């Protein structure tokens, strides 16, 4: 009846209903044909309990639709009761609806199916659906996942990787004259000792030798240029760090690995904002690129030092937060004075990672009598410019929220002066 009414709508009135596409018509809203997917979408499964096969839910629902359709045609041909035809018609509508969406609500109790099935909508939507599970998200090799922890001693472009993970994730490095001695050392260590190697593939061969068994010393002696050694993940390797949900491009960025004895991924808390990460049990993924091209592309395009600001509005994403700001505020109070031992201890904290051999020039003390004392502002200035050879130059005057008057003589100490990184 509804289909007959829709078919009587003239084509000139279709545009008034908001259907502007060519060929669109309200009669197309009524399902008159049910599409049958190929057998690969609804495969038969051999039953271990009974003889024969167990058919897919879609196949069973199609057979029920055909059966009810035949019953309606038979009743109409033999002059059956109109009440019986209407009842069969309601069953047909229900099974067609369940064929598309098996979780619809409002089904009468006497018509509800005894067994739950998976309709077409259920196969597409949700985390286990075709889009999120099979298309958008795939299982990949050379990746790891575990809980994340903060580590302020790491640089913002580093990520701490557990040594247990580093022994499993491997990178295929080709042997050459520059690294053959190091590769032999890794082969001798084998899979159980880090840094080591798991496999060796000889040049021109597709066969890989697993180094957990056999004579590793002999394999190391036979190593020659052109062979490929699948070595463990080592310090400064290029890795991709990702936290789901990946809502923008900064949700996956490039870091440099630093192998540590702990069992969690660790990174500097200044880099939490682009990932929207916290440390209440969050888990993150780590991927190890397998070619030199992938490593170069990740480092240049996806390096977190190249993504310090968001392209949306230029807002800074990776910057000092929370404890860093609190520590800087407490250190630069005007009543903070440090002894020589305390100043040296804080200055020694600068010597880490790439700056472990840096020359630090301690400034002259602010007070000489009755005791040599340094101010916290001097140590903060030393952090930004540790020696005279530093190329960093910064001149800035900034008034704080509690500023009163007289510039650097403000009674609330709420005016900051930077002269070539000399903090006043």
Protein backbone atom coordinates (compact mmCIF):
# COMPACT_ATOMS: atom_id res chain seq x y z
CA UNK A 1 0.00 0.00 0.00
CA UNK A 2 2.76 2.47 0.94
CA UNK A 3 4.70 1.52 -2.17
CA UNK A 4 1.61 2.22 -4.32
CA UNK A 5 1.25 5.67 -2.77
CA UNK A 6 4.93 6.49 -3.33
CA UNK A 7 4.78 5.33 -6.96
CA UNK A 8 1.95 7.80 -7.65
CA UNK A 9 4.11 10.81 -6.67
CA UNK A 10 4.98 12.65 -9.91
CA UNK A 11 8.61 13.33 -10.75
CA UNK A 12 8.00 17.08 -10.68
CA UNK A 13 7.14 16.91 -6.96
CA UNK A 14 10.20 14.87 -5.95
CA UNK A 15 12.45 17.95 -5.66
CA UNK A 16 10.00 19.47 -3.16
CA UNK A 17 10.71 16.51 -0.87
CA UNK A 18 14.44 17.35 -0.79
CA UNK A 19 15.48 14.51 -3.12
CA UNK A 20 17.61 16.40 -5.64
CA UNK A 21 19.75 13.57 -7.04
CA UNK A 22 19.08 12.43 -10.56
CA UNK A 23 16.87 9.35 -10.62
CA UNK A 24 15.91 9.64 -6.93
CA UNK A 25 12.32 8.81 -6.04
CA UNK A 26 10.46 8.06 -2.76
CA UNK A 27 9.55 4.59 -4.01
CA UNK A 28 13.20 3.63 -3.70
CA UNK A 29 12.88 3.96 0.09
CA UNK A 30 10.82 0.79 0.23
CA UNK A 31 12.84 -2.42 0.14
CA UNK A 32 11.49 -4.64 -2.63
CA UNK A 33 14.68 -6.61 -3.33
CA UNK A 34 17.14 -8.04 -0.82
CA UNK A 35 20.72 -8.18 -2.02
CA UNK A 36 22.50 -11.49 -1.48
CA UNK A 37 26.21 -11.17 -0.61
CA UNK A 38 28.69 -13.66 -2.11
CA UNK A 39 29.53 -16.88 -0.31
CA UNK A 40 32.90 -15.52 0.90
CA UNK A 41 30.98 -13.05 3.10
CA UNK A 42 28.81 -15.81 4.62
CA UNK A 43 30.94 -18.99 4.53
CA UNK A 44 29.68 -22.38 5.66
CA UNK A 45 31.47 -23.94 8.62
CA UNK A 46 31.98 -27.69 9.09
CA UNK A 47 30.24 -28.78 12.26
CA UNK A 48 32.17 -30.94 14.74
CA UNK A 49 29.01 -31.84 16.68
CA UNK A 50 26.72 -33.02 13.93
CA UNK A 51 27.11 -34.17 10.36
CA UNK A 52 27.09 -31.61 7.59
CA UNK A 53 27.79 -27.88 7.77
CA UNK A 54 26.61 -24.98 9.88
CA UNK A 55 25.38 -22.13 7.75
CA UNK A 56 26.13 -18.47 8.41
CA UNK A 57 23.53 -16.24 10.07
CA UNK A 58 22.96 -14.29 6.85
CA UNK A 59 22.34 -17.49 4.90
CA UNK A 60 19.85 -18.71 7.50
CA UNK A 61 18.04 -15.37 7.48
CA UNK A 62 17.85 -15.40 3.66
CA UNK A 63 16.30 -18.87 3.73
CA UNK A 64 13.70 -17.71 6.27
CA UNK A 65 12.84 -14.68 4.09
CA UNK A 66 12.37 -16.93 1.03
CA UNK A 67 10.25 -19.39 3.04
CA UNK A 68 7.88 -16.70 4.39
CA UNK A 69 7.68 -15.08 0.95
CA UNK A 70 6.61 -18.42 -0.58
CA UNK A 71 4.01 -18.91 2.18
CA UNK A 72 2.48 -15.48 1.48
CA UNK A 73 2.32 -16.20 -2.26
CA UNK A 74 0.68 -19.59 -1.62
CA UNK A 75 -1.95 -18.09 0.71
CA UNK A 76 -2.74 -15.32 -1.76
CA UNK A 77 -3.04 -17.83 -4.62
CA UNK A 78 -5.35 -20.18 -2.70
CA UNK A 79 -7.53 -17.44 -1.18
CA UNK A 80 -6.30 -17.72 2.39
CA UNK A 81 -7.63 -15.64 5.27
CA UNK A 82 -6.60 -12.00 5.25
CA UNK A 83 -5.60 -12.20 8.94
CA UNK A 84 -3.19 -15.03 8.12
CA UNK A 85 -1.69 -13.07 5.23
CA UNK A 86 -1.19 -9.97 7.43
CA UNK A 87 0.48 -12.07 10.09
CA UNK A 88 2.86 -13.62 7.55
CA UNK A 89 3.48 -10.14 6.13
CA UNK A 90 4.51 -8.85 9.59
CA UNK A 91 6.88 -11.81 9.94
CA UNK A 92 8.41 -11.02 6.55
CA UNK A 93 8.96 -7.38 7.50
CA UNK A 94 10.54 -8.44 10.79
CA UNK A 95 12.98 -10.89 9.19
CA UNK A 96 14.00 -8.37 6.52
CA UNK A 97 14.66 -5.81 9.26
CA UNK A 98 16.66 -8.36 11.30
CA UNK A 99 18.63 -9.24 8.17
CA UNK A 100 19.97 -5.68 8.09
CA UNK A 101 19.98 -4.85 11.82
CA UNK A 102 19.67 -7.73 14.28
CA UNK A 103 19.53 -5.53 17.42
CA UNK A 104 16.40 -3.48 16.68
CA UNK A 105 14.10 -2.78 19.61
CA UNK A 106 10.33 -2.92 19.94
CA UNK A 107 9.87 -6.51 18.72
CA UNK A 108 6.73 -8.18 20.17
CA UNK A 109 7.43 -11.09 22.50
CA UNK A 110 5.54 -13.60 20.35
CA UNK A 111 7.60 -12.59 17.28
CA UNK A 112 11.03 -12.26 18.93
CA UNK A 113 13.66 -14.67 17.52
CA UNK A 114 14.84 -17.43 19.83
CA UNK A 115 18.48 -17.10 18.81
CA UNK A 116 20.48 -13.90 18.41
CA UNK A 117 22.15 -13.41 15.05
CA UNK A 118 24.58 -10.93 13.52
CA UNK A 119 23.07 -8.70 10.86
CA UNK A 120 24.83 -6.63 8.23
CA UNK A 121 25.01 -3.57 10.51
CA UNK A 122 26.62 -5.60 13.31
CA UNK A 123 29.30 -6.84 10.90
CA UNK A 124 30.22 -3.27 9.94
CA UNK A 125 29.97 -1.17 13.11
CA UNK A 126 31.92 -1.17 16.36
CA UNK A 127 35.46 -2.05 17.32
CA UNK A 128 35.13 -5.60 15.95
CA UNK A 129 33.46 -4.46 12.72
CA UNK A 130 34.90 -4.48 9.22
CA UNK A 131 35.95 -0.82 9.25
CA UNK A 132 37.69 -0.47 12.61
CA UNK A 133 38.97 -4.02 12.98
CA UNK A 134 39.89 -5.03 9.42
CA UNK A 135 40.33 -1.80 7.43
CA UNK A 136 41.39 1.01 9.76
CA UNK A 137 43.20 -1.20 12.27
CA UNK A 138 45.42 -4.09 11.29
CA UNK A 139 47.80 -6.38 13.11
CA UNK A 140 51.39 -5.50 12.25
CA UNK A 141 54.80 -6.97 12.96
CA UNK A 142 57.70 -5.22 14.73
CA UNK A 143 55.46 -3.43 17.19
CA UNK A 144 55.00 -3.45 20.95
CA UNK A 145 52.41 -2.24 23.44
CA UNK A 146 52.61 -1.72 27.18
CA UNK A 147 51.82 0.76 29.97
CA UNK A 148 53.48 4.19 29.90
CA UNK A 149 55.35 5.91 32.74
CA UNK A 150 56.90 9.39 33.14
CA UNK A 151 60.65 9.93 33.11
CA UNK A 152 61.82 13.57 33.35
CA UNK A 153 65.43 12.48 32.81
CA UNK A 154 64.67 11.55 29.19
CA UNK A 155 64.84 14.13 26.42
CA UNK A 156 61.58 15.10 24.75
CA UNK A 157 62.55 13.14 21.61
CA UNK A 158 63.39 9.95 23.51
CA UNK A 159 61.28 7.01 24.59
CA UNK A 160 62.42 4.44 27.12
CA UNK A 161 62.00 0.89 25.80
CA UNK A 162 62.12 -2.16 28.12
CA UNK A 163 65.04 -4.45 27.37
CA UNK A 164 62.61 -7.38 27.04
CA UNK A 165 60.91 -5.56 24.18
CA UNK A 166 64.24 -4.57 22.64
CA UNK A 167 65.25 -8.24 22.39
CA UNK A 168 62.14 -9.06 20.35
CA UNK A 169 61.94 -6.04 18.02
CA UNK A 170 64.67 -6.36 15.38
CA UNK A 171 66.02 -4.20 12.59
CA UNK A 172 67.55 -5.77 9.42
CA UNK A 173 70.96 -4.11 9.15
CA UNK A 174 73.15 -4.82 6.15
CA UNK A 175 76.77 -5.70 6.85
CA UNK A 176 79.45 -3.39 5.40
CA UNK A 177 83.08 -2.61 6.05
CA UNK A 178 82.22 0.05 8.62
CA UNK A 179 80.05 -2.13 10.86
CA UNK A 180 81.20 -5.71 10.25
CA UNK A 181 83.10 -5.90 13.54
CA UNK A 182 80.07 -4.63 15.48
CA UNK A 183 77.76 -7.04 13.62
CA UNK A 184 80.01 -9.99 14.52
CA UNK A 185 79.83 -8.93 18.15
CA UNK A 186 76.02 -8.86 18.00
CA UNK A 187 75.89 -12.29 16.34
CA UNK A 188 78.07 -13.75 19.10
CA UNK A 189 75.71 -12.33 21.75
CA UNK A 190 72.72 -14.01 20.10
CA UNK A 191 69.05 -13.54 21.03
CA UNK A 192 69.50 -13.81 24.81
CA UNK A 193 71.96 -10.97 25.42
CA UNK A 194 71.29 -7.33 24.64
CA UNK A 195 72.58 -5.91 22.37
CA UNK A 196 72.48 -8.98 20.19
CA UNK A 197 70.87 -10.45 17.07
CA UNK A 198 68.12 -12.98 16.36
CA UNK A 199 68.65 -13.94 12.71
CA UNK A 200 71.30 -13.83 9.98
CA UNK A 201 70.42 -13.92 6.28
CA UNK A 202 73.27 -14.51 3.86
CA UNK A 203 73.55 -12.45 0.71
CA UNK A 204 71.54 -13.91 -2.18
CA UNK A 205 69.66 -16.36 0.07
CA UNK A 206 66.12 -16.21 1.41
CA UNK A 207 66.92 -18.56 4.31
CA UNK A 208 67.35 -17.07 7.80
CA UNK A 209 69.51 -18.69 10.46
CA UNK A 210 68.05 -18.50 13.96
CA UNK A 211 70.90 -17.71 16.32
CA UNK A 212 69.38 -19.30 19.43
CA UNK A 213 70.72 -22.66 18.23
CA UNK A 214 73.93 -23.73 16.52
CA UNK A 215 77.46 -22.35 16.66
CA UNK A 216 77.22 -18.57 16.76
CA UNK A 217 80.97 -18.17 16.70
CA UNK A 218 81.13 -19.96 13.35
CA UNK A 219 78.28 -17.84 11.98
CA UNK A 220 80.11 -14.69 13.09
CA UNK A 221 83.34 -15.79 11.40
CA UNK A 222 81.48 -16.49 8.14
CA UNK A 223 79.77 -13.08 8.19
CA UNK A 224 80.65 -11.00 5.14
CA UNK A 225 79.61 -7.76 3.48
CA UNK A 226 76.12 -7.87 1.98
CA UNK A 227 74.68 -10.21 4.62
CA UNK A 228 71.72 -9.01 6.67
CA UNK A 229 71.76 -9.21 10.47
CA UNK A 230 68.44 -8.79 12.25
CA UNK A 231 69.79 -7.08 15.34
CA UNK A 232 68.04 -6.04 18.52
CA UNK A 233 66.57 -2.57 18.91
CA UNK A 234 69.36 -0.36 20.29
CA UNK A 235 69.79 3.14 21.68
CA UNK A 236 69.01 5.99 19.26
CA UNK A 237 67.07 3.75 16.87
CA UNK A 238 64.19 5.50 15.10
CA UNK A 239 60.80 4.36 16.45
CA UNK A 240 57.20 5.51 16.05
CA UNK A 241 55.22 6.16 19.23
CA UNK A 242 51.42 6.15 19.10
CA UNK A 243 48.52 6.52 21.51
CA UNK A 244 45.01 5.61 20.53
CA UNK A 245 42.62 7.09 19.63
CA UNK A 246 44.68 8.68 16.87
CA UNK A 247 42.63 11.85 16.49
CA UNK A 248 45.24 14.06 14.76
CA UNK A 249 48.62 13.66 13.14
CA UNK A 250 50.49 14.35 16.40
CA UNK A 251 48.97 11.20 17.91
CA UNK A 252 51.81 9.26 16.26
CA UNK A 253 55.28 10.79 16.22
CA UNK A 254 58.89 9.74 15.84
CA UNK A 255 61.18 9.29 18.84
CA UNK A 256 64.61 7.84 19.49
CA UNK A 257 64.75 4.68 21.56
CA UNK A 258 66.65 4.38 24.83
CA UNK A 259 66.79 0.83 26.14
CA UNK A 260 66.10 0.61 29.89
CA UNK A 261 65.72 -2.25 32.40
CA UNK A 262 62.13 -1.34 33.37
CA UNK A 263 59.00 -2.98 31.97
CA UNK A 264 57.08 0.09 30.76
CA UNK A 265 57.48 2.60 27.96
CA UNK A 266 58.80 5.86 29.41
CA UNK A 267 58.94 9.34 27.98
CA UNK A 268 59.26 12.93 29.13
CA UNK A 269 56.00 14.31 30.51
CA UNK A 270 56.46 17.49 28.45
CA UNK A 271 55.40 15.41 25.41
CA UNK A 272 52.07 14.30 26.95
CA UNK A 273 49.90 17.01 25.39
CA UNK A 274 50.00 15.93 21.70
CA UNK A 275 49.19 12.36 22.72
CA UNK A 276 46.59 13.47 25.31
CA UNK A 277 48.29 10.94 27.59
CA UNK A 278 48.40 10.60 31.35
CA UNK A 279 49.94 7.98 33.58
CA UNK A 280 46.93 6.37 35.26
CA UNK A 281 47.28 3.13 33.31
CA UNK A 282 47.36 4.36 29.71
CA UNK A 283 48.95 2.05 27.13
CA UNK A 284 50.80 3.14 24.00
CA UNK A 285 52.11 1.45 20.86
CA UNK A 286 55.66 1.44 19.55
CA UNK A 287 56.58 0.60 15.93
CA UNK A 288 60.07 -0.04 14.55
CA UNK A 289 60.50 1.03 10.87
CA UNK A 290 62.27 -1.65 8.83
CA UNK A 291 63.98 0.29 6.02
CA UNK A 292 66.35 3.24 5.80
CA UNK A 293 63.79 5.13 3.72
CA UNK A 294 61.12 4.66 6.40
CA UNK A 295 63.54 5.76 9.12
CA UNK A 296 64.52 8.91 7.24
CA UNK A 297 60.91 9.78 6.44
CA UNK A 298 59.82 9.24 10.05
CA UNK A 299 62.66 11.35 11.45
CA UNK A 300 62.15 14.29 9.10
CA UNK A 301 58.36 14.38 8.81
CA UNK A 302 57.18 12.83 12.07
CA UNK A 303 59.90 13.83 14.54
CA UNK A 304 58.36 15.39 17.63
CA UNK A 305 60.97 18.16 17.55
CA UNK A 306 59.45 19.11 14.16
CA UNK A 307 55.91 19.12 15.61
CA UNK A 308 56.23 21.42 18.60
CA UNK A 309 53.16 23.45 17.59
CA UNK A 310 49.78 22.34 16.32
CA UNK A 311 48.97 23.26 12.69
CA UNK A 312 45.40 24.06 13.77
CA UNK A 313 46.13 27.37 15.48
CA UNK A 314 49.85 27.53 16.21
CA UNK A 315 49.41 26.59 19.86
CA UNK A 316 52.50 25.11 21.53
CA UNK A 317 52.01 21.42 22.27
CA UNK A 318 55.37 20.30 23.64
CA UNK A 319 56.50 22.62 26.42
CA UNK A 320 57.33 22.65 30.13
CA UNK A 321 54.34 21.69 32.25
CA UNK A 322 53.36 21.11 35.86
CA UNK A 323 56.42 20.12 37.92
CA UNK A 324 58.79 21.93 35.55
CA UNK A 325 56.94 25.23 35.93
CA UNK A 326 56.55 24.78 39.68
CA UNK A 327 60.24 23.96 40.08
CA UNK A 328 61.27 26.96 37.96
CA UNK A 329 59.00 29.24 40.02
CA UNK A 330 60.38 28.00 43.34
CA UNK A 331 63.98 28.15 42.14
CA UNK A 332 63.78 31.76 40.93
CA UNK A 333 62.26 33.27 44.09
CA UNK A 334 64.21 36.30 45.28
CA UNK A 335 64.92 34.78 48.72
CA UNK A 336 66.38 31.54 47.30
CA UNK A 337 70.16 31.26 47.84
CA UNK A 338 72.28 28.17 47.21
CA UNK A 339 75.59 27.07 48.65
CA UNK A 340 78.43 26.00 46.41
CA UNK A 341 77.60 22.33 46.94
CA UNK A 342 73.92 22.84 46.08
CA UNK A 343 74.72 24.94 42.99
CA UNK A 344 77.23 22.35 41.76
CA UNK A 345 74.76 19.53 42.31
CA UNK A 346 72.06 21.29 40.28
CA UNK A 347 74.57 22.16 37.54
CA UNK A 348 75.70 18.52 37.40
CA UNK A 349 72.11 17.53 36.53
CA UNK A 350 72.61 19.27 33.17
CA UNK A 351 75.19 16.63 32.21
CA UNK A 352 73.02 13.97 30.65
CA UNK A 353 72.46 12.31 27.28
CA UNK A 354 74.01 14.39 24.49
CA UNK A 355 75.22 17.02 26.98
CA UNK A 356 77.15 14.58 29.16
CA UNK A 357 80.51 16.10 28.11
CA UNK A 358 79.33 19.72 28.05
CA UNK A 359 81.49 22.41 29.64
CA UNK A 360 79.60 24.34 32.32
CA UNK A 361 80.88 27.73 33.45
CA UNK A 362 79.63 28.49 36.95
CA UNK A 363 79.08 32.27 37.35
CA UNK A 364 80.57 34.29 40.18
CA UNK A 365 78.56 34.06 43.43
CA UNK A 366 75.98 36.74 44.10
CA UNK A 367 77.08 37.02 47.76
CA UNK A 368 80.65 36.77 49.02
CA UNK A 369 80.28 37.55 52.70
CA UNK A 370 79.64 36.04 55.17
CA UNK A 371 79.40 33.04 52.83
CA UNK A 372 79.63 32.47 49.09
CA UNK A 373 76.06 32.03 47.84
CA UNK A 374 74.44 31.77 44.39
CA UNK A 375 70.89 32.82 43.62
CA UNK A 376 68.37 30.49 42.03
CA UNK A 377 68.09 32.88 39.09
CA UNK A 378 71.77 32.36 38.34
CA UNK A 379 71.23 28.59 38.13
CA UNK A 380 68.19 29.12 35.91
CA UNK A 381 70.28 31.34 33.63
CA UNK A 382 72.93 28.65 33.59
CA UNK A 383 70.30 26.16 32.40
CA UNK A 384 69.52 28.27 29.34
CA UNK A 385 73.15 29.24 28.57
CA UNK A 386 75.65 26.91 30.26
CA UNK A 387 78.81 28.50 28.85
CA UNK A 388 80.07 31.42 26.79
CA UNK A 389 80.39 29.24 23.67
CA UNK A 390 76.63 28.75 23.56
CA UNK A 391 75.03 30.32 20.49
CA UNK A 392 71.72 30.99 22.26
CA UNK A 393 70.91 34.70 22.58
CA UNK A 394 67.72 35.96 24.17
CA UNK A 395 66.72 39.44 25.34
CA UNK A 396 63.30 39.81 26.91
CA UNK A 397 61.43 41.87 29.48
CA UNK A 398 58.21 40.36 30.78
CA UNK A 399 55.91 41.67 33.52
CA UNK A 400 54.02 39.15 35.61
CA UNK A 401 50.46 39.22 36.87
CA UNK A 402 51.48 40.62 40.29
CA UNK A 403 53.70 43.39 38.92
CA UNK A 404 53.50 46.71 40.78
CA UNK A 405 56.19 49.20 39.66
CA UNK A 406 59.93 49.96 39.40
CA UNK A 407 60.64 47.15 36.88
CA UNK A 408 63.19 44.72 38.38
CA UNK A 409 62.79 46.37 41.80
CA UNK A 410 59.13 45.25 41.97
CA UNK A 411 58.30 44.30 45.55
CA UNK A 412 56.52 41.16 44.32
CA UNK A 413 59.50 40.18 42.14
CA UNK A 414 57.06 39.92 39.22
CA UNK A 415 59.25 41.30 36.43
CA UNK A 416 61.63 39.08 34.44
CA UNK A 417 64.60 40.49 32.57
CA UNK A 418 66.66 38.34 30.22
CA UNK A 419 69.83 39.88 28.80
CA UNK A 420 71.64 37.36 26.60
CA UNK A 421 70.28 34.69 28.98
CA UNK A 422 71.21 36.50 32.18
CA UNK A 423 68.16 36.28 34.41
CA UNK A 424 67.40 39.17 36.76
